């Protein structure tokens, strides 16, 4: 497969993620579909500070004819810095998994 064919295949796995409240976009980012049921891997920092607000929704859009849909957090939490003497520099874990 050449680069064009690879890009054509993976573009359907990429999603736009928006945190919305009362029709206002509070935050946005991207994610990638990780299984056939639509689980999505994204960065936790786009969600974290907004989810405690009232009327917040996670809206996910895809490429093509995929309509926007509301998702919820399956796995997420505060981003974590891991800093130990064994590492050259701290590792930041900033991941969340969303489900339709």
PDB file of N, CA and C in Angstrom:
ATOM      1  N   UNK A   1       0.835  -1.186   0.000  1.00  0.00           N
ATOM      2  CA  UNK A   1       0.000   0.000   0.000  1.00  0.00           C
ATOM      3  C   UNK A   1       0.880   1.249   0.000  1.00  0.00           C
ATOM      4  N   UNK A   2       0.518   2.230  -0.809  1.00  0.00           N
ATOM      5  CA  UNK A   2       1.267   3.484  -0.789  1.00  0.00           C
ATOM      6  C   UNK A   2       0.649   4.439   0.240  1.00  0.00           C
ATOM      7  N   UNK A   3       1.284   5.602   0.424  1.00  0.00           N
ATOM      8  CA  UNK A   3       0.837   6.573   1.436  1.00  0.00           C
ATOM      9  C   UNK A   3      -0.601   7.032   1.202  1.00  0.00           C
ATOM     10  N   UNK A   4      -0.952   7.234  -0.041  1.00  0.00           N
ATOM     11  CA  UNK A   4      -2.299   7.695  -0.345  1.00  0.00           C
ATOM     12  C   UNK A   4      -3.346   6.661   0.067  1.00  0.00           C
ATOM     13  N   UNK A   5      -3.078   5.391  -0.214  1.00  0.00           N
ATOM     14  CA  UNK A   5      -4.005   4.326   0.169  1.00  0.00           C
ATOM     15  C   UNK A   5      -4.124   4.198   1.691  1.00  0.00           C
ATOM     16  N   UNK A   6      -3.008   4.328   2.379  1.00  0.00           N
ATOM     17  CA  UNK A   6      -3.026   4.263   3.848  1.00  0.00           C
ATOM     18  C   UNK A   6      -3.862   5.404   4.419  1.00  0.00           C
ATOM     19  N   UNK A   7      -3.639   6.605   3.927  1.00  0.00           N
ATOM     20  CA  UNK A   7      -4.402   7.774   4.403  1.00  0.00           C
ATOM     21  C   UNK A   7      -5.887   7.615   4.111  1.00  0.00           C
ATOM     22  N   UNK A   8      -6.198   7.078   2.963  1.00  0.00           N
ATOM     23  CA  UNK A   8      -7.596   6.869   2.595  1.00  0.00           C
ATOM     24  C   UNK A   8      -8.274   5.898   3.564  1.00  0.00           C
ATOM     25  N   UNK A   9      -7.555   4.868   3.995  1.00  0.00           N
ATOM     26  CA  UNK A   9      -8.122   3.895   4.922  1.00  0.00           C
ATOM     27  C   UNK A   9      -8.277   4.461   6.337  1.00  0.00           C
ATOM     28  N   UNK A  10      -7.288   5.187   6.816  1.00  0.00           N
ATOM     29  CA  UNK A  10      -7.346   5.633   8.213  1.00  0.00           C
ATOM     30  C   UNK A  10      -8.172   6.897   8.426  1.00  0.00           C
ATOM     31  N   UNK A  11      -8.485   7.629   7.374  1.00  0.00           N
ATOM     32  CA  UNK A  11      -9.235   8.870   7.580  1.00  0.00           C
ATOM     33  C   UNK A  11     -10.604   8.615   8.210  1.00  0.00           C
ATOM     34  N   UNK A  12     -11.154   7.435   8.025  1.00  0.00           N
ATOM     35  CA  UNK A  12     -12.456   7.125   8.611  1.00  0.00           C
ATOM     36  C   UNK A  12     -12.358   6.774  10.092  1.00  0.00           C
ATOM     37  N   UNK A  13     -11.152   6.610  10.614  1.00  0.00           N
ATOM     38  CA  UNK A  13     -10.963   6.329  12.037  1.00  0.00           C
ATOM     39  C   UNK A  13     -10.748   7.611  12.847  1.00  0.00           C
ATOM     40  N   UNK A  14     -10.468   8.714  12.185  1.00  0.00           N
ATOM     41  CA  UNK A  14     -10.193   9.982  12.863  1.00  0.00           C
ATOM     42  C   UNK A  14     -11.508  10.694  13.166  1.00  0.00           C
ATOM     43  N   UNK A  15     -11.605  11.273  14.357  1.00  0.00           N
ATOM     44  CA  UNK A  15     -12.819  11.982  14.771  1.00  0.00           C
ATOM     45  C   UNK A  15     -12.487  13.345  15.359  1.00  0.00           C
ATOM     46  N   UNK A  16     -13.434  14.272  15.225  1.00  0.00           N
ATOM     47  CA  UNK A  16     -13.374  15.567  15.913  1.00  0.00           C
ATOM     48  C   UNK A  16     -14.175  15.421  17.203  1.00  0.00           C
ATOM     49  N   UNK A  17     -13.618  15.906  18.297  1.00  0.00           N
ATOM     50  CA  UNK A  17     -14.272  15.832  19.602  1.00  0.00           C
ATOM     51  C   UNK A  17     -14.510  17.257  20.078  1.00  0.00           C
ATOM     52  N   UNK A  18     -15.751  17.556  20.462  1.00  0.00           N
ATOM     53  CA  UNK A  18     -16.083  18.893  20.972  1.00  0.00           C
ATOM     54  C   UNK A  18     -16.793  18.763  22.314  1.00  0.00           C
ATOM     55  N   UNK A  19     -16.432  19.617  23.249  1.00  0.00           N
ATOM     56  CA  UNK A  19     -17.120  19.715  24.526  1.00  0.00           C
ATOM     57  C   UNK A  19     -18.041  20.919  24.410  1.00  0.00           C
ATOM     58  N   UNK A  20     -19.342  20.665  24.522  1.00  0.00           N
ATOM     59  CA  UNK A  20     -20.358  21.671  24.241  1.00  0.00           C
ATOM     60  C   UNK A  20     -21.251  21.872  25.461  1.00  0.00           C
ATOM     61  N   UNK A  21     -21.591  23.125  25.722  1.00  0.00           N
ATOM     62  CA  UNK A  21     -22.558  23.456  26.769  1.00  0.00           C
ATOM     63  C   UNK A  21     -23.438  24.583  26.265  1.00  0.00           C
ATOM     64  N   UNK A  22     -24.752  24.368  26.277  1.00  0.00           N
ATOM     65  CA  UNK A  22     -25.709  25.386  25.819  1.00  0.00           C
ATOM     66  C   UNK A  22     -25.342  25.932  24.444  1.00  0.00           C
ATOM     67  N   UNK A  23     -25.024  25.051  23.518  1.00  0.00           N
ATOM     68  CA  UNK A  23     -24.685  25.392  22.129  1.00  0.00           C
ATOM     69  C   UNK A  23     -23.393  26.188  21.968  1.00  0.00           C
ATOM     70  N   UNK A  24     -22.568  26.262  23.015  1.00  0.00           N
ATOM     71  CA  UNK A  24     -21.252  26.901  22.916  1.00  0.00           C
ATOM     72  C   UNK A  24     -20.173  25.829  23.020  1.00  0.00           C
ATOM     73  N   UNK A  25     -19.186  25.903  22.131  1.00  0.00           N
ATOM     74  CA  UNK A  25     -18.071  24.959  22.181  1.00  0.00           C
ATOM     75  C   UNK A  25     -17.075  25.462  23.221  1.00  0.00           C
ATOM     76  N   UNK A  26     -16.823  24.625  24.245  1.00  0.00           N
ATOM     77  CA  UNK A  26     -15.903  24.984  25.318  1.00  0.00           C
ATOM     78  C   UNK A  26     -14.485  24.516  25.035  1.00  0.00           C
ATOM     79  N   UNK A  27     -14.379  23.401  24.341  1.00  0.00           N
ATOM     80  CA  UNK A  27     -13.078  22.799  24.059  1.00  0.00           C
ATOM     81  C   UNK A  27     -13.238  21.874  22.862  1.00  0.00           C
ATOM     82  N   UNK A  28     -12.145  21.643  22.140  1.00  0.00           N
ATOM     83  CA  UNK A  28     -12.215  20.695  21.046  1.00  0.00           C
ATOM     84  C   UNK A  28     -10.850  20.062  20.828  1.00  0.00           C
ATOM     85  N   UNK A  29     -10.876  18.913  20.193  1.00  0.00           N
ATOM     86  CA  UNK A  29      -9.653  18.179  19.887  1.00  0.00           C
ATOM     87  C   UNK A  29      -9.959  17.085  18.896  1.00  0.00           C
ATOM     88  N   UNK A  30      -9.139  16.061  18.913  1.00  0.00           N
ATOM     89  CA  UNK A  30      -9.343  14.956  17.986  1.00  0.00           C
ATOM     90  C   UNK A  30      -9.220  13.637  18.724  1.00  0.00           C
ATOM     91  N   UNK A  31      -9.615  12.578  18.042  1.00  0.00           N
ATOM     92  CA  UNK A  31      -9.501  11.252  18.608  1.00  0.00           C
ATOM     93  C   UNK A  31      -9.442  10.240  17.486  1.00  0.00           C
ATOM     94  N   UNK A  32      -9.229   8.994  17.868  1.00  0.00           N
ATOM     95  CA  UNK A  32      -9.165   7.921  16.884  1.00  0.00           C
ATOM     96  C   UNK A  32      -9.987   6.745  17.387  1.00  0.00           C
ATOM     97  N   UNK A  33     -10.768   6.153  16.485  1.00  0.00           N
ATOM     98  CA  UNK A  33     -11.580   4.987  16.811  1.00  0.00           C
ATOM     99  C   UNK A  33     -10.641   3.805  17.048  1.00  0.00           C
ATOM    100  N   UNK A  34     -10.878   3.075  18.164  1.00  0.00           N
ATOM    101  CA  UNK A  34      -9.965   1.980  18.495  1.00  0.00           C
ATOM    102  C   UNK A  34     -10.616   0.597  18.427  1.00  0.00           C
ATOM    103  N   UNK A  35     -11.928   0.536  18.177  1.00  0.00           N
ATOM    104  CA  UNK A  35     -12.546  -0.780  17.959  1.00  0.00           C
ATOM    105  C   UNK A  35     -13.834  -0.624  17.156  1.00  0.00           C
ATOM    106  N   UNK A  36     -14.420  -1.737  16.795  1.00  0.00           N
ATOM    107  CA  UNK A  36     -15.589  -1.714  15.911  1.00  0.00           C
ATOM    108  C   UNK A  36     -16.858  -1.192  16.585  1.00  0.00           C
ATOM    109  N   UNK A  37     -16.890  -1.123  17.912  1.00  0.00           N
ATOM    110  CA  UNK A  37     -18.080  -0.583  18.584  1.00  0.00           C
ATOM    111  C   UNK A  37     -18.030   0.942  18.705  1.00  0.00           C
ATOM    112  N   UNK A  38     -16.952   1.554  18.230  1.00  0.00           N
ATOM    113  CA  UNK A  38     -16.861   3.007  18.223  1.00  0.00           C
ATOM    114  C   UNK A  38     -16.107   3.616  19.383  1.00  0.00           C
ATOM    115  N   UNK A  39     -15.463   2.801  20.232  1.00  0.00           N
ATOM    116  CA  UNK A  39     -14.648   3.385  21.304  1.00  0.00           C
ATOM    117  C   UNK A  39     -13.622   4.321  20.695  1.00  0.00           C
ATOM    118  N   UNK A  40     -13.389   5.425  21.389  1.00  0.00           N
ATOM    119  CA  UNK A  40     -12.546   6.483  20.855  1.00  0.00           C
ATOM    120  C   UNK A  40     -11.457   6.818  21.857  1.00  0.00           C
ATOM    121  N   UNK A  41     -10.215   6.890  21.402  1.00  0.00           N
ATOM    122  CA  UNK A  41      -9.084   7.306  22.227  1.00  0.00           C
ATOM    123  C   UNK A  41      -8.814   8.772  21.947  1.00  0.00           C
ATOM    124  N   UNK A  42      -8.735   9.575  23.007  1.00  0.00           N
ATOM    125  CA  UNK A  42      -8.504  11.004  22.863  1.00  0.00           C
ATOM    126  C   UNK A  42      -7.637  11.494  24.020  1.00  0.00           C
ATOM    127  N   UNK A  43      -7.350  12.774  24.055  1.00  0.00           N
ATOM    128  CA  UNK A  43      -6.567  13.374  25.135  1.00  0.00           C
ATOM    129  C   UNK A  43      -7.496  13.815  26.263  1.00  0.00           C
ATOM    130  N   UNK A  44      -7.137  13.480  27.473  1.00  0.00           N
ATOM    131  CA  UNK A  44      -7.960  13.809  28.632  1.00  0.00           C
ATOM    132  C   UNK A  44      -8.069  15.323  28.861  1.00  0.00           C
ATOM    133  N   UNK A  45      -7.032  16.076  28.503  1.00  0.00           N
ATOM    134  CA  UNK A  45      -7.047  17.514  28.815  1.00  0.00           C
ATOM    135  C   UNK A  45      -8.140  18.280  28.065  1.00  0.00           C
ATOM    136  N   UNK A  46      -8.662  17.741  26.968  1.00  0.00           N
ATOM    137  CA  UNK A  46      -9.746  18.455  26.292  1.00  0.00           C
ATOM    138  C   UNK A  46     -11.076  18.292  27.022  1.00  0.00           C
ATOM    139  N   UNK A  47     -11.165  17.295  27.912  1.00  0.00           N
ATOM    140  CA  UNK A  47     -12.397  17.004  28.641  1.00  0.00           C
ATOM    141  C   UNK A  47     -12.367  17.495  30.080  1.00  0.00           C
ATOM    142  N   UNK A  48     -11.253  17.321  30.714  1.00  0.00           N
ATOM    143  CA  UNK A  48     -11.110  17.332  32.161  1.00  0.00           C
ATOM    144  C   UNK A  48     -11.749  18.516  32.879  1.00  0.00           C
ATOM    145  N   UNK A  49     -11.393  19.712  32.524  1.00  0.00           N
ATOM    146  CA  UNK A  49     -11.855  20.860  33.308  1.00  0.00           C
ATOM    147  C   UNK A  49     -13.307  21.267  33.024  1.00  0.00           C
ATOM    148  N   UNK A  50     -13.913  20.692  32.009  1.00  0.00           N
ATOM    149  CA  UNK A  50     -15.257  21.117  31.618  1.00  0.00           C
ATOM    150  C   UNK A  50     -16.376  20.179  32.082  1.00  0.00           C
ATOM    151  N   UNK A  51     -16.061  18.969  32.425  1.00  0.00           N
ATOM    152  CA  UNK A  51     -17.104  17.977  32.675  1.00  0.00           C
ATOM    153  C   UNK A  51     -17.914  18.232  33.936  1.00  0.00           C
ATOM    154  N   UNK A  52     -17.408  19.026  34.861  1.00  0.00           N
ATOM    155  CA  UNK A  52     -18.162  19.333  36.083  1.00  0.00           C
ATOM    156  C   UNK A  52     -19.191  20.445  35.843  1.00  0.00           C
ATOM    157  N   UNK A  53     -19.129  21.103  34.710  1.00  0.00           N
ATOM    158  CA  UNK A  53     -20.064  22.185  34.403  1.00  0.00           C
ATOM    159  C   UNK A  53     -21.437  21.616  34.041  1.00  0.00           C
ATOM    160  N   UNK A  54     -22.509  22.411  34.240  1.00  0.00           N
ATOM    161  CA  UNK A  54     -23.847  21.916  33.890  1.00  0.00           C
ATOM    162  C   UNK A  54     -24.056  21.862  32.370  1.00  0.00           C
ATOM    163  N   UNK A  55     -24.913  20.957  31.948  1.00  0.00           N
ATOM    164  CA  UNK A  55     -25.332  20.834  30.536  1.00  0.00           C
ATOM    165  C   UNK A  55     -24.185  20.572  29.565  1.00  0.00           C
ATOM    166  N   UNK A  56     -23.165  19.870  30.000  1.00  0.00           N
ATOM    167  CA  UNK A  56     -22.021  19.591  29.130  1.00  0.00           C
ATOM    168  C   UNK A  56     -22.255  18.282  28.371  1.00  0.00           C
ATOM    169  N   UNK A  57     -21.960  18.328  27.078  1.00  0.00           N
ATOM    170  CA  UNK A  57     -22.054  17.148  26.224  1.00  0.00           C
ATOM    171  C   UNK A  57     -20.730  16.961  25.490  1.00  0.00           C
ATOM    172  N   UNK A  58     -20.400  15.703  25.219  1.00  0.00           N
ATOM    173  CA  UNK A  58     -19.243  15.382  24.390  1.00  0.00           C
ATOM    174  C   UNK A  58     -19.795  14.979  23.024  1.00  0.00           C
ATOM    175  N   UNK A  59     -19.518  15.791  22.021  1.00  0.00           N
ATOM    176  CA  UNK A  59     -20.022  15.550  20.668  1.00  0.00           C
ATOM    177  C   UNK A  59     -18.852  15.106  19.786  1.00  0.00           C
ATOM    178  N   UNK A  60     -19.057  14.018  19.050  1.00  0.00           N
ATOM    179  CA  UNK A  60     -18.017  13.463  18.197  1.00  0.00           C
ATOM    180  C   UNK A  60     -18.521  13.449  16.765  1.00  0.00           C
ATOM    181  N   UNK A  61     -17.685  13.942  15.847  1.00  0.00           N
ATOM    182  CA  UNK A  61     -18.015  13.966  14.424  1.00  0.00           C
ATOM    183  C   UNK A  61     -16.957  13.200  13.651  1.00  0.00           C
ATOM    184  N   UNK A  62     -17.379  12.578  12.565  1.00  0.00           N
ATOM    185  CA  UNK A  62     -16.452  11.839  11.726  1.00  0.00           C
ATOM    186  C   UNK A  62     -16.404  12.369  10.315  1.00  0.00           C
ATOM    187  N   UNK A  63     -15.665  11.684   9.478  1.00  0.00           N
ATOM    188  CA  UNK A  63     -15.508  12.042   8.068  1.00  0.00           C
ATOM    189  C   UNK A  63     -16.655  11.427   7.268  1.00  0.00           C
ATOM    190  N   UNK A  64     -17.050  12.106   6.230  1.00  0.00           N
ATOM    191  CA  UNK A  64     -18.059  11.548   5.335  1.00  0.00           C
ATOM    192  C   UNK A  64     -19.464  11.755   5.852  1.00  0.00           C
ATOM    193  N   UNK A  65     -20.293  10.728   5.745  1.00  0.00           N
ATOM    194  CA  UNK A  65     -21.708  10.849   6.086  1.00  0.00           C
ATOM    195  C   UNK A  65     -22.001  10.485   7.540  1.00  0.00           C
ATOM    196  N   UNK A  66     -20.956  10.358   8.362  1.00  0.00           N
ATOM    197  CA  UNK A  66     -21.157  10.015   9.764  1.00  0.00           C
ATOM    198  C   UNK A  66     -21.708  11.241  10.484  1.00  0.00           C
ATOM    199  N   UNK A  67     -22.879  11.119  11.074  1.00  0.00           N
ATOM    200  CA  UNK A  67     -23.502  12.244  11.758  1.00  0.00           C
ATOM    201  C   UNK A  67     -22.889  12.438  13.139  1.00  0.00           C
ATOM    202  N   UNK A  68     -22.878  13.675  13.646  1.00  0.00           N
ATOM    203  CA  UNK A  68     -22.376  13.902  15.005  1.00  0.00           C
ATOM    204  C   UNK A  68     -23.192  13.091  16.007  1.00  0.00           C
ATOM    205  N   UNK A  69     -22.536  12.580  17.029  1.00  0.00           N
ATOM    206  CA  UNK A  69     -23.237  11.843  18.060  1.00  0.00           C
ATOM    207  C   UNK A  69     -22.640  12.152  19.423  1.00  0.00           C
ATOM    208  N   UNK A  70     -23.449  11.926  20.442  1.00  0.00           N
ATOM    209  CA  UNK A  70     -23.018  12.220  21.793  1.00  0.00           C
ATOM    210  C   UNK A  70     -22.294  11.005  22.378  1.00  0.00           C
ATOM    211  N   UNK A  71     -21.181  11.255  23.026  1.00  0.00           N
ATOM    212  CA  UNK A  71     -20.380  10.217  23.650  1.00  0.00           C
ATOM    213  C   UNK A  71     -20.326  10.452  25.150  1.00  0.00           C
ATOM    214  N   UNK A  72     -19.859   9.443  25.882  1.00  0.00           N
ATOM    215  CA  UNK A  72     -19.632   9.585  27.320  1.00  0.00           C
ATOM    216  C   UNK A  72     -18.264   9.001  27.634  1.00  0.00           C
ATOM    217  N   UNK A  73     -17.739   9.351  28.795  1.00  0.00           N
ATOM    218  CA  UNK A  73     -16.421   8.870  29.184  1.00  0.00           C
ATOM    219  C   UNK A  73     -16.520   7.441  29.694  1.00  0.00           C
ATOM    220  N   UNK A  74     -15.708   6.584  29.131  1.00  0.00           N
ATOM    221  CA  UNK A  74     -15.610   5.208  29.634  1.00  0.00           C
ATOM    222  C   UNK A  74     -14.418   5.090  30.575  1.00  0.00           C
ATOM    223  N   UNK A  75     -13.321   5.748  30.239  1.00  0.00           N
ATOM    224  CA  UNK A  75     -12.126   5.750  31.073  1.00  0.00           C
ATOM    225  C   UNK A  75     -11.472   7.106  30.944  1.00  0.00           C
ATOM    226  N   UNK A  76     -11.224   7.747  32.039  1.00  0.00           N
ATOM    227  CA  UNK A  76     -10.576   9.050  32.021  1.00  0.00           C
ATOM    228  C   UNK A  76     -10.356   9.500  33.444  1.00  0.00           C
ATOM    229  N   UNK A  77      -9.809  10.626  33.586  1.00  0.00           N
ATOM    230  CA  UNK A  77      -9.523  11.163  34.904  1.00  0.00           C
ATOM    231  C   UNK A  77      -8.481  12.244  34.749  1.00  0.00           C
ATOM    232  N   UNK A  78      -7.947  12.694  35.839  1.00  0.00           N
ATOM    233  CA  UNK A  78      -6.947  13.765  35.713  1.00  0.00           C
ATOM    234  C   UNK A  78      -5.715  13.268  34.971  1.00  0.00           C
ATOM    235  N   UNK A  79      -5.089  14.154  34.236  1.00  0.00           N
ATOM    236  CA  UNK A  79      -3.820  13.810  33.594  1.00  0.00           C
ATOM    237  C   UNK A  79      -2.785  13.614  34.697  1.00  0.00           C
ATOM    238  N   UNK A  80      -1.913  12.661  34.511  1.00  0.00           N
ATOM    239  CA  UNK A  80      -0.959  12.288  35.556  1.00  0.00           C
ATOM    240  C   UNK A  80       0.460  12.481  35.049  1.00  0.00           C
ATOM    241  N   UNK A  81       1.292  13.133  35.859  1.00  0.00           N
ATOM    242  CA  UNK A  81       2.725  13.226  35.584  1.00  0.00           C
ATOM    243  C   UNK A  81       3.424  12.161  36.413  1.00  0.00           C
ATOM    244  N   UNK A  82       4.200  11.312  35.771  1.00  0.00           N
ATOM    245  CA  UNK A  82       4.973  10.293  36.474  1.00  0.00           C
ATOM    246  C   UNK A  82       6.436  10.721  36.414  1.00  0.00           C
ATOM    247  N   UNK A  83       6.984  11.041  37.572  1.00  0.00           N
ATOM    248  CA  UNK A  83       8.357  11.540  37.650  1.00  0.00           C
ATOM    249  C   UNK A  83       9.128  10.674  38.636  1.00  0.00           C
ATOM    250  N   UNK A  84       9.977   9.801  38.122  1.00  0.00           N
ATOM    251  CA  UNK A  84      10.800   8.952  38.973  1.00  0.00           C
ATOM    252  C   UNK A  84      12.251   9.051  38.508  1.00  0.00           C
ATOM    253  N   UNK A  85      13.189   8.718  39.374  1.00  0.00           N
ATOM    254  CA  UNK A  85      14.616   8.806  38.985  1.00  0.00           C
ATOM    255  C   UNK A  85      14.977   7.915  37.798  1.00  0.00           C
ATOM    256  N   UNK A  86      14.170   6.881  37.536  1.00  0.00           N
ATOM    257  CA  UNK A  86      14.469   5.979  36.425  1.00  0.00           C
ATOM    258  C   UNK A  86      14.212   6.612  35.059  1.00  0.00           C
ATOM    259  N   UNK A  87      13.393   7.661  35.005  1.00  0.00           N
ATOM    260  CA  UNK A  87      13.066   8.312  33.741  1.00  0.00           C
ATOM    261  C   UNK A  87      13.950   9.538  33.525  1.00  0.00           C
ATOM    262  N   UNK A  88      14.305   9.776  32.285  1.00  0.00           N
ATOM    263  CA  UNK A  88      15.093  10.954  31.942  1.00  0.00           C
ATOM    264  C   UNK A  88      14.280  12.224  32.206  1.00  0.00           C
ATOM    265  N   UNK A  89      12.984  12.176  31.884  1.00  0.00           N
ATOM    266  CA  UNK A  89      12.082  13.289  32.174  1.00  0.00           C
ATOM    267  C   UNK A  89      10.717  12.710  32.537  1.00  0.00           C
ATOM    268  N   UNK A  90       9.857  13.495  33.167  1.00  0.00           N
ATOM    269  CA  UNK A  90       8.540  12.960  33.568  1.00  0.00           C
ATOM    270  C   UNK A  90       7.719  12.494  32.368  1.00  0.00           C
ATOM    271  N   UNK A  91       6.925  11.462  32.605  1.00  0.00           N
ATOM    272  CA  UNK A  91       5.984  10.965  31.597  1.00  0.00           C
ATOM    273  C   UNK A  91       4.611  11.515  31.953  1.00  0.00           C
ATOM    274  N   UNK A  92       3.928  12.074  30.973  1.00  0.00           N
ATOM    275  CA  UNK A  92       2.587  12.605  31.197  1.00  0.00           C
ATOM    276  C   UNK A  92       1.583  11.667  30.545  1.00  0.00           C
ATOM    277  N   UNK A  93       0.667  11.133  31.353  1.00  0.00           N
ATOM    278  CA  UNK A  93      -0.407  10.284  30.836  1.00  0.00           C
ATOM    279  C   UNK A  93      -1.640  11.164  30.707  1.00  0.00           C
ATOM    280  N   UNK A  94      -2.090  11.381  29.498  1.00  0.00           N
ATOM    281  CA  UNK A  94      -3.170  12.317  29.221  1.00  0.00           C
ATOM    282  C   UNK A  94      -4.150  11.673  28.240  1.00  0.00           C
ATOM    283  N   UNK A  95      -4.723  10.537  28.644  1.00  0.00           N
ATOM    284  CA  UNK A  95      -5.578   9.775  27.741  1.00  0.00           C
ATOM    285  C   UNK A  95      -6.974   9.603  28.331  1.00  0.00           C
ATOM    286  N   UNK A  96      -7.947   9.540  27.452  1.00  0.00           N
ATOM    287  CA  UNK A  96      -9.318   9.221  27.835  1.00  0.00           C
ATOM    288  C   UNK A  96      -9.888   8.316  26.756  1.00  0.00           C
ATOM    289  N   UNK A  97     -10.790   7.429  27.175  1.00  0.00           N
ATOM    290  CA  UNK A  97     -11.518   6.581  26.225  1.00  0.00           C
ATOM    291  C   UNK A  97     -12.988   6.958  26.313  1.00  0.00           C
ATOM    292  N   UNK A  98     -13.574   7.253  25.155  1.00  0.00           N
ATOM    293  CA  UNK A  98     -14.980   7.637  25.078  1.00  0.00           C
ATOM    294  C   UNK A  98     -15.764   6.527  24.391  1.00  0.00           C
ATOM    295  N   UNK A  99     -17.064   6.431  24.743  1.00  0.00           N
ATOM    296  CA  UNK A  99     -17.919   5.462  24.067  1.00  0.00           C
ATOM    297  C   UNK A  99     -19.219   6.134  23.636  1.00  0.00           C
ATOM    298  N   UNK A 100     -19.767   5.641  22.498  1.00  0.00           N
ATOM    299  CA  UNK A 100     -21.016   6.227  22.015  1.00  0.00           C
ATOM    300  C   UNK A 100     -22.165   5.953  22.961  1.00  0.00           C
TER     301      UNK A 100
END
